[in-house]
Amino acid sequence: MNEKSQNVLNELARLYPDAQPALKFSTPYELLVAVILSAQCTDERVNKVTEVLFKEHSTPEKMLTLTQEELEKYIFSCGFYHNKAAHILSASRDIVEKFNGEVPSTLEELKTLAGVGQKTANVVYAVAFGGDAIAVDTHVFRVSNRLGIAKGNTPVKVEDGLCAAFPKSEWSKAHHYLIYHGRRVCHSQKPDCASCTLKTLCEYYNK
């Protein structure tokens, strides 16, 4: 890890010592469903939806008692509800039929589930199973590019850059640090550069 990456990581850790997932869940399955729902939707909205959904449908077996139309009514406010409902039901079916009702714990197996791409698999692997992974959402993508610690025009390229920049043991923590910084300081439209303690290290600010 070079000096800049070390300094960035140290400062993010100082700023956000309690950084943790914003999605509410109690099992790997609930986390998986919540992450699928969170695509282009706020975590706050997802938490409101899952609070109701998980009361009766907190396992893949219980989820499969719903028709797609019934599930869509629960998740309508999360957006893209048609595709998300189809993915959740298909993934639930795979979990029951191929994995004995348990969410698989490896990245390779997670990515075989419907609606589970690299980002979703990384989140579930890191958060639910304690694996080392960096999920690149819009906040991580933006902050990494602006700081210049991982540049890329695709999430995969940024993920590769971050994995190279930080020690493997810090990947999961770094993911949450970057999300917090994107939400609280490095906003999409109007980044609060004036109050940002990382600005001396930031390529975006120093252009």
Foldseek 3Di string as FASTA:
>chain_A
DDPLLVVVVVVLCVVCVPQDDLADDDALLLLLLLVLLQVVFDSVLSNVLCVVVCVQQVFLVRLLVDDLVRQLVSSVVSPPSNQSSVQSNQQSVCCVPPVVRHQDQDLVSNCVGGSDDDQSSQCSNCRRVVAQFARDDPQLQQQCCFLVQFDDPDRVRRRVSVPVSDPSNCRSVVNRSSNVCCVPAVDDPDGNLVPDPCLVSTPNNVD
